[in-house]
PDBML (XML) file of the C-alpha atoms, coordinates in Angstrom:
<?xml version="1.0" encoding="UTF-8" ?>
<PDBx:datablock datablockName="MODEL"
   xmlns:PDBx="http://pdbml.pdb.org/schema/pdbx-v50.xsd"
   xmlns:xsi="http://www.w3.org/2001/XMLSchema-instance"
   xsi:schemaLocation="http://pdbml.pdb.org/schema/pdbx-v50.xsd pdbx-v50.xsd">
   <PDBx:atom_siteCategory>
      <PDBx:atom_site id="1">
         <PDBx:B_iso_or_equiv>0.00</PDBx:B_iso_or_equiv>
         <PDBx:Cartn_x>-0.847</PDBx:Cartn_x>
         <PDBx:Cartn_y>15.350</PDBx:Cartn_y>
         <PDBx:Cartn_z>3.377</PDBx:Cartn_z>
         <PDBx:auth_asym_id>A</PDBx:auth_asym_id>
         <PDBx:auth_atom_id>CA</PDBx:auth_atom_id>
         <PDBx:auth_comp_id>LEU</PDBx:auth_comp_id>
         <PDBx:auth_seq_id>1</PDBx:auth_seq_id>
         <PDBx:group_PDB>ATOM</PDBx:group_PDB>
         <PDBx:label_alt_id xsi:nil="true" />
         <PDBx:label_asym_id>A</PDBx:label_asym_id>
         <PDBx:label_atom_id>CA</PDBx:label_atom_id>
         <PDBx:label_comp_id>LEU</PDBx:label_comp_id>
         <PDBx:label_entity_id>1</PDBx:label_entity_id>
         <PDBx:label_seq_id>1</PDBx:label_seq_id>
         <PDBx:occupancy>1.00</PDBx:occupancy>
         <PDBx:pdbx_PDB_model_num>1</PDBx:pdbx_PDB_model_num>
         <PDBx:type_symbol>C</PDBx:type_symbol>
      </PDBx:atom_site>
      <PDBx:atom_site id="2">
         <PDBx:B_iso_or_equiv>0.00</PDBx:B_iso_or_equiv>
         <PDBx:Cartn_x>-2.722</PDBx:Cartn_x>
         <PDBx:Cartn_y>17.689</PDBx:Cartn_y>
         <PDBx:Cartn_z>1.314</PDBx:Cartn_z>
         <PDBx:auth_asym_id>A</PDBx:auth_asym_id>
         <PDBx:auth_atom_id>CA</PDBx:auth_atom_id>
         <PDBx:auth_comp_id>LYS</PDBx:auth_comp_id>
         <PDBx:auth_seq_id>2</PDBx:auth_seq_id>
         <PDBx:group_PDB>ATOM</PDBx:group_PDB>
         <PDBx:label_alt_id xsi:nil="true" />
         <PDBx:label_asym_id>A</PDBx:label_asym_id>
         <PDBx:label_atom_id>CA</PDBx:label_atom_id>
         <PDBx:label_comp_id>LYS</PDBx:label_comp_id>
         <PDBx:label_entity_id>1</PDBx:label_entity_id>
         <PDBx:label_seq_id>2</PDBx:label_seq_id>
         <PDBx:occupancy>1.00</PDBx:occupancy>
         <PDBx:pdbx_PDB_model_num>1</PDBx:pdbx_PDB_model_num>
         <PDBx:type_symbol>C</PDBx:type_symbol>
      </PDBx:atom_site>
      <PDBx:atom_site id="3">
         <PDBx:B_iso_or_equiv>0.00</PDBx:B_iso_or_equiv>
         <PDBx:Cartn_x>-4.611</PDBx:Cartn_x>
         <PDBx:Cartn_y>16.047</PDBx:Cartn_y>
         <PDBx:Cartn_z>-1.465</PDBx:Cartn_z>
         <PDBx:auth_asym_id>A</PDBx:auth_asym_id>
         <PDBx:auth_atom_id>CA</PDBx:auth_atom_id>
         <PDBx:auth_comp_id>ILE</PDBx:auth_comp_id>
         <PDBx:auth_seq_id>3</PDBx:auth_seq_id>
         <PDBx:group_PDB>ATOM</PDBx:group_PDB>
         <PDBx:label_alt_id xsi:nil="true" />
         <PDBx:label_asym_id>A</PDBx:label_asym_id>
         <PDBx:label_atom_id>CA</PDBx:label_atom_id>
         <PDBx:label_comp_id>ILE</PDBx:label_comp_id>
         <PDBx:label_entity_id>1</PDBx:label_entity_id>
         <PDBx:label_seq_id>3</PDBx:label_seq_id>
         <PDBx:occupancy>1.00</PDBx:occupancy>
         <PDBx:pdbx_PDB_model_num>1</PDBx:pdbx_PDB_model_num>
         <PDBx:type_symbol>C</PDBx:type_symbol>
      </PDBx:atom_site>
      <PDBx:atom_site id="4">
         <PDBx:B_iso_or_equiv>0.00</PDBx:B_iso_or_equiv>
         <PDBx:Cartn_x>-5.336</PDBx:Cartn_x>
         <PDBx:Cartn_y>17.538</PDBx:Cartn_y>
         <PDBx:Cartn_z>-4.915</PDBx:Cartn_z>
         <PDBx:auth_asym_id>A</PDBx:auth_asym_id>
         <PDBx:auth_atom_id>CA</PDBx:auth_atom_id>
         <PDBx:auth_comp_id>THR</PDBx:auth_comp_id>
         <PDBx:auth_seq_id>4</PDBx:auth_seq_id>
         <PDBx:group_PDB>ATOM</PDBx:group_PDB>
         <PDBx:label_alt_id xsi:nil="true" />
         <PDBx:label_asym_id>A</PDBx:label_asym_id>
         <PDBx:label_atom_id>CA</PDBx:label_atom_id>
         <PDBx:label_comp_id>THR</PDBx:label_comp_id>
         <PDBx:label_entity_id>1</PDBx:label_entity_id>
         <PDBx:label_seq_id>4</PDBx:label_seq_id>
         <PDBx:occupancy>1.00</PDBx:occupancy>
         <PDBx:pdbx_PDB_model_num>1</PDBx:pdbx_PDB_model_num>
         <PDBx:type_symbol>C</PDBx:type_symbol>
      </PDBx:atom_site>
      <PDBx:atom_site id="5">
         <PDBx:B_iso_or_equiv>0.00</PDBx:B_iso_or_equiv>
         <PDBx:Cartn_x>-6.711</PDBx:Cartn_x>
         <PDBx:Cartn_y>16.241</PDBx:Cartn_y>
         <PDBx:Cartn_z>-8.068</PDBx:Cartn_z>
         <PDBx:auth_asym_id>A</PDBx:auth_asym_id>
         <PDBx:auth_atom_id>CA</PDBx:auth_atom_id>
         <PDBx:auth_comp_id>SER</PDBx:auth_comp_id>
         <PDBx:auth_seq_id>5</PDBx:auth_seq_id>
         <PDBx:group_PDB>ATOM</PDBx:group_PDB>
         <PDBx:label_alt_id xsi:nil="true" />
         <PDBx:label_asym_id>A</PDBx:label_asym_id>
         <PDBx:label_atom_id>CA</PDBx:label_atom_id>
         <PDBx:label_comp_id>SER</PDBx:label_comp_id>
         <PDBx:label_entity_id>1</PDBx:label_entity_id>
         <PDBx:label_seq_id>5</PDBx:label_seq_id>
         <PDBx:occupancy>1.00</PDBx:occupancy>
         <PDBx:pdbx_PDB_model_num>1</PDBx:pdbx_PDB_model_num>
         <PDBx:type_symbol>C</PDBx:type_symbol>
      </PDBx:atom_site>
      <PDBx:atom_site id="6">
         <PDBx:B_iso_or_equiv>0.00</PDBx:B_iso_or_equiv>
         <PDBx:Cartn_x>-2.772</PDBx:Cartn_x>
         <PDBx:Cartn_y>16.062</PDBx:Cartn_y>
         <PDBx:Cartn_z>-9.211</PDBx:Cartn_z>
         <PDBx:auth_asym_id>A</PDBx:auth_asym_id>
         <PDBx:auth_atom_id>CA</PDBx:auth_atom_id>
         <PDBx:auth_comp_id>GLN</PDBx:auth_comp_id>
         <PDBx:auth_seq_id>6</PDBx:auth_seq_id>
         <PDBx:group_PDB>ATOM</PDBx:group_PDB>
         <PDBx:label_alt_id xsi:nil="true" />
         <PDBx:label_asym_id>A</PDBx:label_asym_id>
         <PDBx:label_atom_id>CA</PDBx:label_atom_id>
         <PDBx:label_comp_id>GLN</PDBx:label_comp_id>
         <PDBx:label_entity_id>1</PDBx:label_entity_id>
         <PDBx:label_seq_id>6</PDBx:label_seq_id>
         <PDBx:occupancy>1.00</PDBx:occupancy>
         <PDBx:pdbx_PDB_model_num>1</PDBx:pdbx_PDB_model_num>
         <PDBx:type_symbol>C</PDBx:type_symbol>
      </PDBx:atom_site>
      <PDBx:atom_site id="7">
         <PDBx:B_iso_or_equiv>0.00</PDBx:B_iso_or_equiv>
         <PDBx:Cartn_x>-1.758</PDBx:Cartn_x>
         <PDBx:Cartn_y>13.841</PDBx:Cartn_y>
         <PDBx:Cartn_z>-6.577</PDBx:Cartn_z>
         <PDBx:auth_asym_id>A</PDBx:auth_asym_id>
         <PDBx:auth_atom_id>CA</PDBx:auth_atom_id>
         <PDBx:auth_comp_id>ASN</PDBx:auth_comp_id>
         <PDBx:auth_seq_id>7</PDBx:auth_seq_id>
         <PDBx:group_PDB>ATOM</PDBx:group_PDB>
         <PDBx:label_alt_id xsi:nil="true" />
         <PDBx:label_asym_id>A</PDBx:label_asym_id>
         <PDBx:label_atom_id>CA</PDBx:label_atom_id>
         <PDBx:label_comp_id>ASN</PDBx:label_comp_id>
         <PDBx:label_entity_id>1</PDBx:label_entity_id>
         <PDBx:label_seq_id>7</PDBx:label_seq_id>
         <PDBx:occupancy>1.00</PDBx:occupancy>
         <PDBx:pdbx_PDB_model_num>1</PDBx:pdbx_PDB_model_num>
         <PDBx:type_symbol>C</PDBx:type_symbol>
      </PDBx:atom_site>
      <PDBx:atom_site id="8">
         <PDBx:B_iso_or_equiv>0.00</PDBx:B_iso_or_equiv>
         <PDBx:Cartn_x>-4.711</PDBx:Cartn_x>
         <PDBx:Cartn_y>11.891</PDBx:Cartn_y>
         <PDBx:Cartn_z>-5.550</PDBx:Cartn_z>
         <PDBx:auth_asym_id>A</PDBx:auth_asym_id>
         <PDBx:auth_atom_id>CA</PDBx:auth_atom_id>
         <PDBx:auth_comp_id>PHE</PDBx:auth_comp_id>
         <PDBx:auth_seq_id>8</PDBx:auth_seq_id>
         <PDBx:group_PDB>ATOM</PDBx:group_PDB>
         <PDBx:label_alt_id xsi:nil="true" />
         <PDBx:label_asym_id>A</PDBx:label_asym_id>
         <PDBx:label_atom_id>CA</PDBx:label_atom_id>
         <PDBx:label_comp_id>PHE</PDBx:label_comp_id>
         <PDBx:label_entity_id>1</PDBx:label_entity_id>
         <PDBx:label_seq_id>8</PDBx:label_seq_id>
         <PDBx:occupancy>1.00</PDBx:occupancy>
         <PDBx:pdbx_PDB_model_num>1</PDBx:pdbx_PDB_model_num>
         <PDBx:type_symbol>C</PDBx:type_symbol>
      </PDBx:atom_site>
      <PDBx:atom_site id="9">
         <PDBx:B_iso_or_equiv>0.00</PDBx:B_iso_or_equiv>
         <PDBx:Cartn_x>-3.981</PDBx:Cartn_x>
         <PDBx:Cartn_y>8.479</PDBx:Cartn_y>
         <PDBx:Cartn_z>-7.447</PDBx:Cartn_z>
         <PDBx:auth_asym_id>A</PDBx:auth_asym_id>
         <PDBx:auth_atom_id>CA</PDBx:auth_atom_id>
         <PDBx:auth_comp_id>GLU</PDBx:auth_comp_id>
         <PDBx:auth_seq_id>9</PDBx:auth_seq_id>
         <PDBx:group_PDB>ATOM</PDBx:group_PDB>
         <PDBx:label_alt_id xsi:nil="true" />
         <PDBx:label_asym_id>A</PDBx:label_asym_id>
         <PDBx:label_atom_id>CA</PDBx:label_atom_id>
         <PDBx:label_comp_id>GLU</PDBx:label_comp_id>
         <PDBx:label_entity_id>1</PDBx:label_entity_id>
         <PDBx:label_seq_id>9</PDBx:label_seq_id>
         <PDBx:occupancy>1.00</PDBx:occupancy>
         <PDBx:pdbx_PDB_model_num>1</PDBx:pdbx_PDB_model_num>
         <PDBx:type_symbol>C</PDBx:type_symbol>
      </PDBx:atom_site>
      <PDBx:atom_site id="10">
         <PDBx:B_iso_or_equiv>0.00</PDBx:B_iso_or_equiv>
         <PDBx:Cartn_x>-0.416</PDBx:Cartn_x>
         <PDBx:Cartn_y>8.575</PDBx:Cartn_y>
         <PDBx:Cartn_z>-6.511</PDBx:Cartn_z>
         <PDBx:auth_asym_id>A</PDBx:auth_asym_id>
         <PDBx:auth_atom_id>CA</PDBx:auth_atom_id>
         <PDBx:auth_comp_id>GLN</PDBx:auth_comp_id>
         <PDBx:auth_seq_id>10</PDBx:auth_seq_id>
         <PDBx:group_PDB>ATOM</PDBx:group_PDB>
         <PDBx:label_alt_id xsi:nil="true" />
         <PDBx:label_asym_id>A</PDBx:label_asym_id>
         <PDBx:label_atom_id>CA</PDBx:label_atom_id>
         <PDBx:label_comp_id>GLN</PDBx:label_comp_id>
         <PDBx:label_entity_id>1</PDBx:label_entity_id>
         <PDBx:label_seq_id>10</PDBx:label_seq_id>
         <PDBx:occupancy>1.00</PDBx:occupancy>
         <PDBx:pdbx_PDB_model_num>1</PDBx:pdbx_PDB_model_num>
         <PDBx:type_symbol>C</PDBx:type_symbol>
      </PDBx:atom_site>
      <PDBx:atom_site id="11">
         <PDBx:B_iso_or_equiv>0.00</PDBx:B_iso_or_equiv>
         <PDBx:Cartn_x>-0.899</PDBx:Cartn_x>
         <PDBx:Cartn_y>9.472</PDBx:Cartn_y>
         <PDBx:Cartn_z>-2.512</PDBx:Cartn_z>
         <PDBx:auth_asym_id>A</PDBx:auth_asym_id>
         <PDBx:auth_atom_id>CA</PDBx:auth_atom_id>
         <PDBx:auth_comp_id>GLU</PDBx:auth_comp_id>
         <PDBx:auth_seq_id>11</PDBx:auth_seq_id>
         <PDBx:group_PDB>ATOM</PDBx:group_PDB>
         <PDBx:label_alt_id xsi:nil="true" />
         <PDBx:label_asym_id>A</PDBx:label_asym_id>
         <PDBx:label_atom_id>CA</PDBx:label_atom_id>
         <PDBx:label_comp_id>GLU</PDBx:label_comp_id>
         <PDBx:label_entity_id>1</PDBx:label_entity_id>
         <PDBx:label_seq_id>11</PDBx:label_seq_id>
         <PDBx:occupancy>1.00</PDBx:occupancy>
         <PDBx:pdbx_PDB_model_num>1</PDBx:pdbx_PDB_model_num>
         <PDBx:type_symbol>C</PDBx:type_symbol>
      </PDBx:atom_site>
      <PDBx:atom_site id="12">
         <PDBx:B_iso_or_equiv>0.00</PDBx:B_iso_or_equiv>
         <PDBx:Cartn_x>-4.266</PDBx:Cartn_x>
         <PDBx:Cartn_y>7.710</PDBx:Cartn_y>
         <PDBx:Cartn_z>-2.407</PDBx:Cartn_z>
         <PDBx:auth_asym_id>A</PDBx:auth_asym_id>
         <PDBx:auth_atom_id>CA</PDBx:auth_atom_id>
         <PDBx:auth_comp_id>VAL</PDBx:auth_comp_id>
         <PDBx:auth_seq_id>12</PDBx:auth_seq_id>
         <PDBx:group_PDB>ATOM</PDBx:group_PDB>
         <PDBx:label_alt_id xsi:nil="true" />
         <PDBx:label_asym_id>A</PDBx:label_asym_id>
         <PDBx:label_atom_id>CA</PDBx:label_atom_id>
         <PDBx:label_comp_id>VAL</PDBx:label_comp_id>
         <PDBx:label_entity_id>1</PDBx:label_entity_id>
         <PDBx:label_seq_id>12</PDBx:label_seq_id>
         <PDBx:occupancy>1.00</PDBx:occupancy>
         <PDBx:pdbx_PDB_model_num>1</PDBx:pdbx_PDB_model_num>
         <PDBx:type_symbol>C</PDBx:type_symbol>
      </PDBx:atom_site>
      <PDBx:atom_site id="13">
         <PDBx:B_iso_or_equiv>0.00</PDBx:B_iso_or_equiv>
         <PDBx:Cartn_x>-5.036</PDBx:Cartn_x>
         <PDBx:Cartn_y>5.302</PDBx:Cartn_y>
         <PDBx:Cartn_z>-4.683</PDBx:Cartn_z>
         <PDBx:auth_asym_id>A</PDBx:auth_asym_id>
         <PDBx:auth_atom_id>CA</PDBx:auth_atom_id>
         <PDBx:auth_comp_id>LEU</PDBx:auth_comp_id>
         <PDBx:auth_seq_id>13</PDBx:auth_seq_id>
         <PDBx:group_PDB>ATOM</PDBx:group_PDB>
         <PDBx:label_alt_id xsi:nil="true" />
         <PDBx:label_asym_id>A</PDBx:label_asym_id>
         <PDBx:label_atom_id>CA</PDBx:label_atom_id>
         <PDBx:label_comp_id>LEU</PDBx:label_comp_id>
         <PDBx:label_entity_id>1</PDBx:label_entity_id>
         <PDBx:label_seq_id>13</PDBx:label_seq_id>
         <PDBx:occupancy>1.00</PDBx:occupancy>
         <PDBx:pdbx_PDB_model_num>1</PDBx:pdbx_PDB_model_num>
         <PDBx:type_symbol>C</PDBx:type_symbol>
      </PDBx:atom_site>
      <PDBx:atom_site id="14">
         <PDBx:B_iso_or_equiv>0.00</PDBx:B_iso_or_equiv>
         <PDBx:Cartn_x>-1.191</PDBx:Cartn_x>
         <PDBx:Cartn_y>3.427</PDBx:Cartn_y>
         <PDBx:Cartn_z>-5.206</PDBx:Cartn_z>
         <PDBx:auth_asym_id>A</PDBx:auth_asym_id>
         <PDBx:auth_atom_id>CA</PDBx:auth_atom_id>
         <PDBx:auth_comp_id>LYS</PDBx:auth_comp_id>
         <PDBx:auth_seq_id>14</PDBx:auth_seq_id>
         <PDBx:group_PDB>ATOM</PDBx:group_PDB>
         <PDBx:label_alt_id xsi:nil="true" />
         <PDBx:label_asym_id>A</PDBx:label_asym_id>
         <PDBx:label_atom_id>CA</PDBx:label_atom_id>
         <PDBx:label_comp_id>LYS</PDBx:label_comp_id>
         <PDBx:label_entity_id>1</PDBx:label_entity_id>
         <PDBx:label_seq_id>14</PDBx:label_seq_id>
         <PDBx:occupancy>1.00</PDBx:occupancy>
         <PDBx:pdbx_PDB_model_num>1</PDBx:pdbx_PDB_model_num>
         <PDBx:type_symbol>C</PDBx:type_symbol>
      </PDBx:atom_site>
      <PDBx:atom_site id="15">
         <PDBx:B_iso_or_equiv>0.00</PDBx:B_iso_or_equiv>
         <PDBx:Cartn_x>-0.776</PDBx:Cartn_x>
         <PDBx:Cartn_y>3.914</PDBx:Cartn_y>
         <PDBx:Cartn_z>-1.379</PDBx:Cartn_z>
         <PDBx:auth_asym_id>A</PDBx:auth_asym_id>
         <PDBx:auth_atom_id>CA</PDBx:auth_atom_id>
         <PDBx:auth_comp_id>SER</PDBx:auth_comp_id>
         <PDBx:auth_seq_id>15</PDBx:auth_seq_id>
         <PDBx:group_PDB>ATOM</PDBx:group_PDB>
         <PDBx:label_alt_id xsi:nil="true" />
         <PDBx:label_asym_id>A</PDBx:label_asym_id>
         <PDBx:label_atom_id>CA</PDBx:label_atom_id>
         <PDBx:label_comp_id>SER</PDBx:label_comp_id>
         <PDBx:label_entity_id>1</PDBx:label_entity_id>
         <PDBx:label_seq_id>15</PDBx:label_seq_id>
         <PDBx:occupancy>1.00</PDBx:occupancy>
         <PDBx:pdbx_PDB_model_num>1</PDBx:pdbx_PDB_model_num>
         <PDBx:type_symbol>C</PDBx:type_symbol>
      </PDBx:atom_site>
      <PDBx:atom_site id="16">
         <PDBx:B_iso_or_equiv>0.00</PDBx:B_iso_or_equiv>
         <PDBx:Cartn_x>1.054</PDBx:Cartn_x>
         <PDBx:Cartn_y>0.987</PDBx:Cartn_y>
         <PDBx:Cartn_z>0.168</PDBx:Cartn_z>
         <PDBx:auth_asym_id>A</PDBx:auth_asym_id>
         <PDBx:auth_atom_id>CA</PDBx:auth_atom_id>
         <PDBx:auth_comp_id>ASP</PDBx:auth_comp_id>
         <PDBx:auth_seq_id>16</PDBx:auth_seq_id>
         <PDBx:group_PDB>ATOM</PDBx:group_PDB>
         <PDBx:label_alt_id xsi:nil="true" />
         <PDBx:label_asym_id>A</PDBx:label_asym_id>
         <PDBx:label_atom_id>CA</PDBx:label_atom_id>
         <PDBx:label_comp_id>ASP</PDBx:label_comp_id>
         <PDBx:label_entity_id>1</PDBx:label_entity_id>
         <PDBx:label_seq_id>16</PDBx:label_seq_id>
         <PDBx:occupancy>1.00</PDBx:occupancy>
         <PDBx:pdbx_PDB_model_num>1</PDBx:pdbx_PDB_model_num>
         <PDBx:type_symbol>C</PDBx:type_symbol>
      </PDBx:atom_site>
      <PDBx:atom_site id="17">
         <PDBx:B_iso_or_equiv>0.00</PDBx:B_iso_or_equiv>
         <PDBx:Cartn_x>-0.431</PDBx:Cartn_x>
         <PDBx:Cartn_y>2.105</PDBx:Cartn_y>
         <PDBx:Cartn_z>3.506</PDBx:Cartn_z>
         <PDBx:auth_asym_id>A</PDBx:auth_asym_id>
         <PDBx:auth_atom_id>CA</PDBx:auth_atom_id>
         <PDBx:auth_comp_id>LYS</PDBx:auth_comp_id>
         <PDBx:auth_seq_id>17</PDBx:auth_seq_id>
         <PDBx:group_PDB>ATOM</PDBx:group_PDB>
         <PDBx:label_alt_id xsi:nil="true" />
         <PDBx:label_asym_id>A</PDBx:label_asym_id>
         <PDBx:label_atom_id>CA</PDBx:label_atom_id>
         <PDBx:label_comp_id>LYS</PDBx:label_comp_id>
         <PDBx:label_entity_id>1</PDBx:label_entity_id>
         <PDBx:label_seq_id>17</PDBx:label_seq_id>
         <PDBx:occupancy>1.00</PDBx:occupancy>
         <PDBx:pdbx_PDB_model_num>1</PDBx:pdbx_PDB_model_num>
         <PDBx:type_symbol>C</PDBx:type_symbol>
      </PDBx:atom_site>
      <PDBx:atom_site id="18">
         <PDBx:B_iso_or_equiv>0.00</PDBx:B_iso_or_equiv>
         <PDBx:Cartn_x>-4.145</PDBx:Cartn_x>
         <PDBx:Cartn_y>2.318</PDBx:Cartn_y>
         <PDBx:Cartn_z>4.691</PDBx:Cartn_z>
         <PDBx:auth_asym_id>A</PDBx:auth_asym_id>
         <PDBx:auth_atom_id>CA</PDBx:auth_atom_id>
         <PDBx:auth_comp_id>LYS</PDBx:auth_comp_id>
         <PDBx:auth_seq_id>18</PDBx:auth_seq_id>
         <PDBx:group_PDB>ATOM</PDBx:group_PDB>
         <PDBx:label_alt_id xsi:nil="true" />
         <PDBx:label_asym_id>A</PDBx:label_asym_id>
         <PDBx:label_atom_id>CA</PDBx:label_atom_id>
         <PDBx:label_comp_id>LYS</PDBx:label_comp_id>
         <PDBx:label_entity_id>1</PDBx:label_entity_id>
         <PDBx:label_seq_id>18</PDBx:label_seq_id>
         <PDBx:occupancy>1.00</PDBx:occupancy>
         <PDBx:pdbx_PDB_model_num>1</PDBx:pdbx_PDB_model_num>
         <PDBx:type_symbol>C</PDBx:type_symbol>
      </PDBx:atom_site>
      <PDBx:atom_site id="19">
         <PDBx:B_iso_or_equiv>0.00</PDBx:B_iso_or_equiv>
         <PDBx:Cartn_x>-5.262</PDBx:Cartn_x>
         <PDBx:Cartn_y>6.023</PDBx:Cartn_y>
         <PDBx:Cartn_z>3.854</PDBx:Cartn_z>
         <PDBx:auth_asym_id>A</PDBx:auth_asym_id>
         <PDBx:auth_atom_id>CA</PDBx:auth_atom_id>
         <PDBx:auth_comp_id>VAL</PDBx:auth_comp_id>
         <PDBx:auth_seq_id>19</PDBx:auth_seq_id>
         <PDBx:group_PDB>ATOM</PDBx:group_PDB>
         <PDBx:label_alt_id xsi:nil="true" />
         <PDBx:label_asym_id>A</PDBx:label_asym_id>
         <PDBx:label_atom_id>CA</PDBx:label_atom_id>
         <PDBx:label_comp_id>VAL</PDBx:label_comp_id>
         <PDBx:label_entity_id>1</PDBx:label_entity_id>
         <PDBx:label_seq_id>19</PDBx:label_seq_id>
         <PDBx:occupancy>1.00</PDBx:occupancy>
         <PDBx:pdbx_PDB_model_num>1</PDBx:pdbx_PDB_model_num>
         <PDBx:type_symbol>C</PDBx:type_symbol>
      </PDBx:atom_site>
      <PDBx:atom_site id="20">
         <PDBx:B_iso_or_equiv>0.00</PDBx:B_iso_or_equiv>
         <PDBx:Cartn_x>-7.434</PDBx:Cartn_x>
         <PDBx:Cartn_y>8.225</PDBx:Cartn_y>
         <PDBx:Cartn_z>6.031</PDBx:Cartn_z>
         <PDBx:auth_asym_id>A</PDBx:auth_asym_id>
         <PDBx:auth_atom_id>CA</PDBx:auth_atom_id>
         <PDBx:auth_comp_id>LEU</PDBx:auth_comp_id>
         <PDBx:auth_seq_id>20</PDBx:auth_seq_id>
         <PDBx:group_PDB>ATOM</PDBx:group_PDB>
         <PDBx:label_alt_id xsi:nil="true" />
         <PDBx:label_asym_id>A</PDBx:label_asym_id>
         <PDBx:label_atom_id>CA</PDBx:label_atom_id>
         <PDBx:label_comp_id>LEU</PDBx:label_comp_id>
         <PDBx:label_entity_id>1</PDBx:label_entity_id>
         <PDBx:label_seq_id>20</PDBx:label_seq_id>
         <PDBx:occupancy>1.00</PDBx:occupancy>
         <PDBx:pdbx_PDB_model_num>1</PDBx:pdbx_PDB_model_num>
         <PDBx:type_symbol>C</PDBx:type_symbol>
      </PDBx:atom_site>
      <PDBx:atom_site id="21">
         <PDBx:B_iso_or_equiv>0.00</PDBx:B_iso_or_equiv>
         <PDBx:Cartn_x>-9.313</PDBx:Cartn_x>
         <PDBx:Cartn_y>11.011</PDBx:Cartn_y>
         <PDBx:Cartn_z>3.801</PDBx:Cartn_z>
         <PDBx:auth_asym_id>A</PDBx:auth_asym_id>
         <PDBx:auth_atom_id>CA</PDBx:auth_atom_id>
         <PDBx:auth_comp_id>ILE</PDBx:auth_comp_id>
         <PDBx:auth_seq_id>21</PDBx:auth_seq_id>
         <PDBx:group_PDB>ATOM</PDBx:group_PDB>
         <PDBx:label_alt_id xsi:nil="true" />
         <PDBx:label_asym_id>A</PDBx:label_asym_id>
         <PDBx:label_atom_id>CA</PDBx:label_atom_id>
         <PDBx:label_comp_id>ILE</PDBx:label_comp_id>
         <PDBx:label_entity_id>1</PDBx:label_entity_id>
         <PDBx:label_seq_id>21</PDBx:label_seq_id>
         <PDBx:occupancy>1.00</PDBx:occupancy>
         <PDBx:pdbx_PDB_model_num>1</PDBx:pdbx_PDB_model_num>
         <PDBx:type_symbol>C</PDBx:type_symbol>
      </PDBx:atom_site>
      <PDBx:atom_site id="22">
         <PDBx:B_iso_or_equiv>0.00</PDBx:B_iso_or_equiv>
         <PDBx:Cartn_x>-10.735</PDBx:Cartn_x>
         <PDBx:Cartn_y>14.064</PDBx:Cartn_y>
         <PDBx:Cartn_z>6.057</PDBx:Cartn_z>
         <PDBx:auth_asym_id>A</PDBx:auth_asym_id>
         <PDBx:auth_atom_id>CA</PDBx:auth_atom_id>
         <PDBx:auth_comp_id>ASP</PDBx:auth_comp_id>
         <PDBx:auth_seq_id>22</PDBx:auth_seq_id>
         <PDBx:group_PDB>ATOM</PDBx:group_PDB>
         <PDBx:label_alt_id xsi:nil="true" />
         <PDBx:label_asym_id>A</PDBx:label_asym_id>
         <PDBx:label_atom_id>CA</PDBx:label_atom_id>
         <PDBx:label_comp_id>ASP</PDBx:label_comp_id>
         <PDBx:label_entity_id>1</PDBx:label_entity_id>
         <PDBx:label_seq_id>22</PDBx:label_seq_id>
         <PDBx:occupancy>1.00</PDBx:occupancy>
         <PDBx:pdbx_PDB_model_num>1</PDBx:pdbx_PDB_model_num>
         <PDBx:type_symbol>C</PDBx:type_symbol>
      </PDBx:atom_site>
      <PDBx:atom_site id="23">
         <PDBx:B_iso_or_equiv>0.00</PDBx:B_iso_or_equiv>
         <PDBx:Cartn_x>-13.095</PDBx:Cartn_x>
         <PDBx:Cartn_y>15.533</PDBx:Cartn_y>
         <PDBx:Cartn_z>3.616</PDBx:Cartn_z>
         <PDBx:auth_asym_id>A</PDBx:auth_asym_id>
         <PDBx:auth_atom_id>CA</PDBx:auth_atom_id>
         <PDBx:auth_comp_id>PHE</PDBx:auth_comp_id>
         <PDBx:auth_seq_id>23</PDBx:auth_seq_id>
         <PDBx:group_PDB>ATOM</PDBx:group_PDB>
         <PDBx:label_alt_id xsi:nil="true" />
         <PDBx:label_asym_id>A</PDBx:label_asym_id>
         <PDBx:label_atom_id>CA</PDBx:label_atom_id>
         <PDBx:label_comp_id>PHE</PDBx:label_comp_id>
         <PDBx:label_entity_id>1</PDBx:label_entity_id>
         <PDBx:label_seq_id>23</PDBx:label_seq_id>
         <PDBx:occupancy>1.00</PDBx:occupancy>
         <PDBx:pdbx_PDB_model_num>1</PDBx:pdbx_PDB_model_num>
         <PDBx:type_symbol>C</PDBx:type_symbol>
      </PDBx:atom_site>
      <PDBx:atom_site id="24">
         <PDBx:B_iso_or_equiv>0.00</PDBx:B_iso_or_equiv>
         <PDBx:Cartn_x>-13.453</PDBx:Cartn_x>
         <PDBx:Cartn_y>19.625</PDBx:Cartn_y>
         <PDBx:Cartn_z>5.169</PDBx:Cartn_z>
         <PDBx:auth_asym_id>A</PDBx:auth_asym_id>
         <PDBx:auth_atom_id>CA</PDBx:auth_atom_id>
         <PDBx:auth_comp_id>TYR</PDBx:auth_comp_id>
         <PDBx:auth_seq_id>24</PDBx:auth_seq_id>
         <PDBx:group_PDB>ATOM</PDBx:group_PDB>
         <PDBx:label_alt_id xsi:nil="true" />
         <PDBx:label_asym_id>A</PDBx:label_asym_id>
         <PDBx:label_atom_id>CA</PDBx:label_atom_id>
         <PDBx:label_comp_id>TYR</PDBx:label_comp_id>
         <PDBx:label_entity_id>1</PDBx:label_entity_id>
         <PDBx:label_seq_id>24</PDBx:label_seq_id>
         <PDBx:occupancy>1.00</PDBx:occupancy>
         <PDBx:pdbx_PDB_model_num>1</PDBx:pdbx_PDB_model_num>
         <PDBx:type_symbol>C</PDBx:type_symbol>
      </PDBx:atom_site>
      <PDBx:atom_site id="25">
         <PDBx:B_iso_or_equiv>0.00</PDBx:B_iso_or_equiv>
         <PDBx:Cartn_x>-13.895</PDBx:Cartn_x>
         <PDBx:Cartn_y>22.961</PDBx:Cartn_y>
         <PDBx:Cartn_z>4.376</PDBx:Cartn_z>
         <PDBx:auth_asym_id>A</PDBx:auth_asym_id>
         <PDBx:auth_atom_id>CA</PDBx:auth_atom_id>
         <PDBx:auth_comp_id>ALA</PDBx:auth_comp_id>
         <PDBx:auth_seq_id>25</PDBx:auth_seq_id>
         <PDBx:group_PDB>ATOM</PDBx:group_PDB>
         <PDBx:label_alt_id xsi:nil="true" />
         <PDBx:label_asym_id>A</PDBx:label_asym_id>
         <PDBx:label_atom_id>CA</PDBx:label_atom_id>
         <PDBx:label_comp_id>ALA</PDBx:label_comp_id>
         <PDBx:label_entity_id>1</PDBx:label_entity_id>
         <PDBx:label_seq_id>25</PDBx:label_seq_id>
         <PDBx:occupancy>1.00</PDBx:occupancy>
         <PDBx:pdbx_PDB_model_num>1</PDBx:pdbx_PDB_model_num>
         <PDBx:type_symbol>C</PDBx:type_symbol>
      </PDBx:atom_site>
   </PDBx:atom_siteCategory>
</PDBx:datablock>
């Protein structure tokens, strides 16, 4: 899932699952 500042809180902080985030360029 592509994370932006707009969906970060809902998709990451409020996730009921463990979250793996890949910071990349």
